[in-house]
C-alpha atoms as a PDB file:
ATOM      1  CA  MET A   1     -54.673 -59.665-105.629  1.00  0.00           C
ATOM      2  CA  SER A   2     -51.169 -59.740-107.106  1.00  0.00           C
ATOM      3  CA  GLU A   3     -50.769 -59.535-110.883  1.00  0.00           C
ATOM      4  CA  VAL A   4     -49.383 -62.532-112.797  1.00  0.00           C
ATOM      5  CA  LEU A   5     -46.077 -61.971-114.596  1.00  0.00           C
ATOM      6  CA  LEU A   6     -44.202 -63.834-117.302  1.00  0.00           C
ATOM      7  CA  VAL A   7     -40.475 -63.500-116.619  1.00  0.00           C
ATOM      8  CA  ILE A   8     -38.029 -64.220-119.437  1.00  0.00           C
ATOM      9  CA  SER A   9     -34.442 -65.245-118.839  1.00  0.00           C
ATOM     10  CA  ASN A  10     -31.738 -67.275-120.583  1.00  0.00           C
ATOM     11  CA  ALA A  11     -29.229 -69.785-119.267  1.00  0.00           C
ATOM     12  CA  PRO A  12     -25.927 -70.767-120.889  1.00  0.00           C
ATOM     13  CA  ASP A  13     -26.857 -74.470-121.100  1.00  0.00           C
ATOM     14  CA  ARG A  14     -29.624 -76.951-120.335  1.00  0.00           C
ATOM     15  CA  ALA A  15     -28.131 -78.187-117.047  1.00  0.00           C
ATOM     16  CA  THR A  16     -27.991 -74.634-115.690  1.00  0.00           C
ATOM     17  CA  ALA A  17     -31.531 -73.959-116.930  1.00  0.00           C
ATOM     18  CA  GLU A  18     -32.821 -77.061-115.139  1.00  0.00           C
ATOM     19  CA  ARG A  19     -30.961 -76.175-111.924  1.00  0.00           C
ATOM     20  CA  ILE A  20     -32.415 -72.653-111.955  1.00  0.00           C
ATOM     21  CA  ALA A  21     -35.945 -73.865-112.791  1.00  0.00           C
ATOM     22  CA  ASP A  22     -35.915 -76.478-110.015  1.00  0.00           C
ATOM     23  CA  ALA A  23     -34.690 -73.962-107.453  1.00  0.00           C
ATOM     24  CA  LEU A  24     -37.240 -71.277-108.384  1.00  0.00           C
ATOM     25  CA  VAL A  25     -40.180 -73.676-108.169  1.00  0.00           C
ATOM     26  CA  ALA A  26     -38.881 -75.238-104.938  1.00  0.00           C
ATOM     27  CA  ALA A  27     -38.537 -71.773-103.388  1.00  0.00           C
ATOM     28  CA  ASP A  28     -42.188 -70.984-104.248  1.00  0.00           C
ATOM     29  CA  VAL A  29     -41.193 -67.918-106.267  1.00  0.00           C
ATOM     30  CA  ALA A  30     -42.311 -69.484-109.561  1.00  0.00           C
ATOM     31  CA  ALA A  31     -45.366 -71.616-110.226  1.00  0.00           C
ATOM     32  CA  CYS A  32     -43.855 -73.018-113.406  1.00  0.00           C
ATOM     33  CA  VAL A  33     -40.739 -72.635-115.533  1.00  0.00           C
ATOM     34  CA  ASN A  34     -40.712 -73.688-119.178  1.00  0.00           C
ATOM     35  CA  ILE A  35     -37.281 -74.605-120.498  1.00  0.00           C
ATOM     36  CA  LEU A  36     -37.226 -74.042-124.242  1.00  0.00           C
ATOM     37  CA  ALA A  37     -34.917 -75.399-126.940  1.00  0.00           C
ATOM     38  CA  GLU A  38     -31.470 -73.898-127.387  1.00  0.00           C
ATOM     39  CA  CYS A  39     -31.292 -70.750-129.468  1.00  0.00           C
ATOM     40  CA  ALA A  40     -28.596 -68.504-130.885  1.00  0.00           C
ATOM     41  CA  SER A  41     -28.171 -65.134-129.191  1.00  0.00           C
ATOM     42  CA  ILE A  42     -26.266 -62.267-130.782  1.00  0.00           C
ATOM     43  CA  TYR A  43     -25.632 -59.309-128.496  1.00  0.00           C
ATOM     44  CA  ARG A  44     -23.230 -56.504-127.696  1.00  0.00           C
ATOM     45  CA  TRP A  45     -21.242 -56.966-124.478  1.00  0.00           C
ATOM     46  CA  GLU A  46     -18.493 -54.630-123.327  1.00  0.00           C
ATOM     47  CA  GLY A  47     -18.288 -53.002-126.759  1.00  0.00           C
ATOM     48  CA  LYS A  48     -17.994 -56.227-128.772  1.00  0.00           C
ATOM     49  CA  VAL A  49     -20.595 -58.174-130.739  1.00  0.00           C
ATOM     50  CA  GLU A  50     -20.826 -61.640-129.224  1.00  0.00           C
ATOM     51  CA  GLN A  51     -22.650 -64.821-130.184  1.00  0.00           C
ATOM     52  CA  ALA A  52     -23.690 -67.624-127.832  1.00  0.00           C
ATOM     53  CA  THR A  53     -26.023 -70.571-127.585  1.00  0.00           C
ATOM     54  CA  GLU A  54     -28.527 -70.093-124.767  1.00  0.00           C
ATOM     55  CA  VAL A  55     -31.520 -71.888-123.288  1.00  0.00           C
ATOM     56  CA  PRO A  56     -34.579 -69.636-122.807  1.00  0.00           C
ATOM     57  CA  LEU A  57     -36.648 -69.822-119.616  1.00  0.00           C
ATOM     58  CA  LEU A  58     -40.291 -68.722-119.344  1.00  0.00           C
ATOM     59  CA  ILE A  59     -41.042 -68.208-115.667  1.00  0.00           C
ATOM     60  CA  LYS A  60     -44.567 -67.723-114.297  1.00  0.00           C
ATOM     61  CA  THR A  61     -44.814 -65.686-111.093  1.00  0.00           C
ATOM     62  CA  THR A  62     -46.645 -62.722-109.546  1.00  0.00           C
ATOM     63  CA  THR A  63     -45.785 -59.112-108.771  1.00  0.00           C
ATOM     64  CA  GLU A  64     -45.839 -60.031-105.084  1.00  0.00           C
ATOM     65  CA  ALA A  65     -43.303 -62.861-105.542  1.00  0.00           C
ATOM     66  CA  TYR A  66     -41.186 -61.033-108.137  1.00  0.00           C
ATOM     67  CA  PRO A  67     -38.667 -59.412-105.736  1.00  0.00           C
ATOM     68  CA  ARG A  68     -37.900 -62.817-104.190  1.00  0.00           C
ATOM     69  CA  LEU A  69     -37.714 -64.410-107.647  1.00  0.00           C
ATOM     70  CA  GLU A  70     -35.309 -61.760-108.924  1.00  0.00           C
ATOM     71  CA  ALA A  71     -33.061 -62.119-105.881  1.00  0.00           C
ATOM     72  CA  GLU A  72     -33.018 -65.912-106.197  1.00  0.00           C
ATOM     73  CA  LEU A  73     -32.409 -65.807-109.960  1.00  0.00           C
ATOM     74  CA  ARG A  74     -29.523 -63.360-109.563  1.00  0.00           C
ATOM     75  CA  LYS A  75     -28.004 -65.631-106.893  1.00  0.00           C
ATOM     76  CA  LEU A  76     -28.330 -68.766-109.055  1.00  0.00           C
ATOM     77  CA  HIS A  77     -27.406 -67.312-112.444  1.00  0.00           C
ATOM     78  CA  PRO A  78     -23.811 -67.563-113.694  1.00  0.00           C
ATOM     79  CA  TYR A  79     -23.988 -64.404-115.845  1.00  0.00           C
ATOM     80  CA  GLU A  80     -22.701 -61.107-114.472  1.00  0.00           C
ATOM     81  CA  VAL A  81     -25.828 -59.386-115.825  1.00  0.00           C
ATOM     82  CA  PRO A  82     -28.526 -61.995-116.505  1.00  0.00           C
ATOM     83  CA  GLU A  83     -31.517 -61.196-118.664  1.00  0.00           C
ATOM     84  CA  ILE A  84     -34.490 -60.823-116.320  1.00  0.00           C
ATOM     85  CA  ILE A  85     -37.499 -59.241-118.021  1.00  0.00           C
ATOM     86  CA  ALA A  86     -40.954 -59.260-116.432  1.00  0.00           C
ATOM     87  CA  ILE A  87     -44.020 -58.899-118.659  1.00  0.00           C
ATOM     88  CA  PRO A  88     -47.471 -58.394-117.132  1.00  0.00           C
ATOM     89  CA  VAL A  89     -50.063 -61.002-118.082  1.00  0.00           C
ATOM     90  CA  THR A  90     -53.146 -58.985-119.006  1.00  0.00           C
ATOM     91  CA  ALA A  91     -55.450 -61.932-119.725  1.00  0.00           C
ATOM     92  CA  GLY A  92     -55.503 -65.687-119.318  1.00  0.00           C
ATOM     93  CA  LEU A  93     -57.523 -68.664-118.229  1.00  0.00           C
ATOM     94  CA  PRO A  94     -58.768 -67.650-114.752  1.00  0.00           C
ATOM     95  CA  ALA A  95     -58.115 -71.095-113.274  1.00  0.00           C
ATOM     96  CA  TYR A  96     -54.498 -71.005-114.513  1.00  0.00           C
ATOM     97  CA  LEU A  97     -53.919 -67.484-113.209  1.00  0.00           C
ATOM     98  CA  ASP A  98     -55.397 -68.509-109.846  1.00  0.00           C
ATOM     99  CA  TRP A  99     -53.012 -71.487-109.773  1.00  0.00           C
ATOM    100  CA  VAL A 100     -49.995 -69.220-110.393  1.00  0.00           C
ATOM    101  CA  GLN A 101     -51.227 -67.012-107.548  1.00  0.00           C
ATOM    102  CA  SER A 102     -51.604 -69.897-105.115  1.00  0.00           C
ATOM    103  CA  GLU A 103     -48.260 -71.525-105.978  1.00  0.00           C
ATOM    104  CA  THR A 104     -46.264 -68.345-105.419  1.00  0.00           C
ATOM    105  CA  ARG A 105     -48.099 -67.245-102.281  1.00  0.00           C
ATOM    106  CA  LYS A 106     -46.821 -70.150-100.146  1.00  0.00           C
ATOM    107  CA  THR A 107     -43.838 -68.398 -98.540  1.00  0.00           C
ATOM    108  CA  THR A 108     -45.279 -64.892 -98.486  1.00  0.00           C
END
């Protein structure tokens, strides 16, 4: 059985976040995407400290679906180097984890 992952990313605005979330769920590479409230991000890019408002995304997927999710997210994302961080889910409600499994297995 494939492991469940929580993938974290950020979008530059809510409309982009919604477009990405819709596409990932429709492509069966994510069972669910939570779009959080805007936040301030401070980061170094090309040698300069930058500040931007971003919209965080919490994406639920599996290790099996992750390569397809990453490819789709890179295609959809406007950033040259988007944040895509996958964290293994080590515990959770079994019924929820089973649901994530079944929702991302559809096109495999």
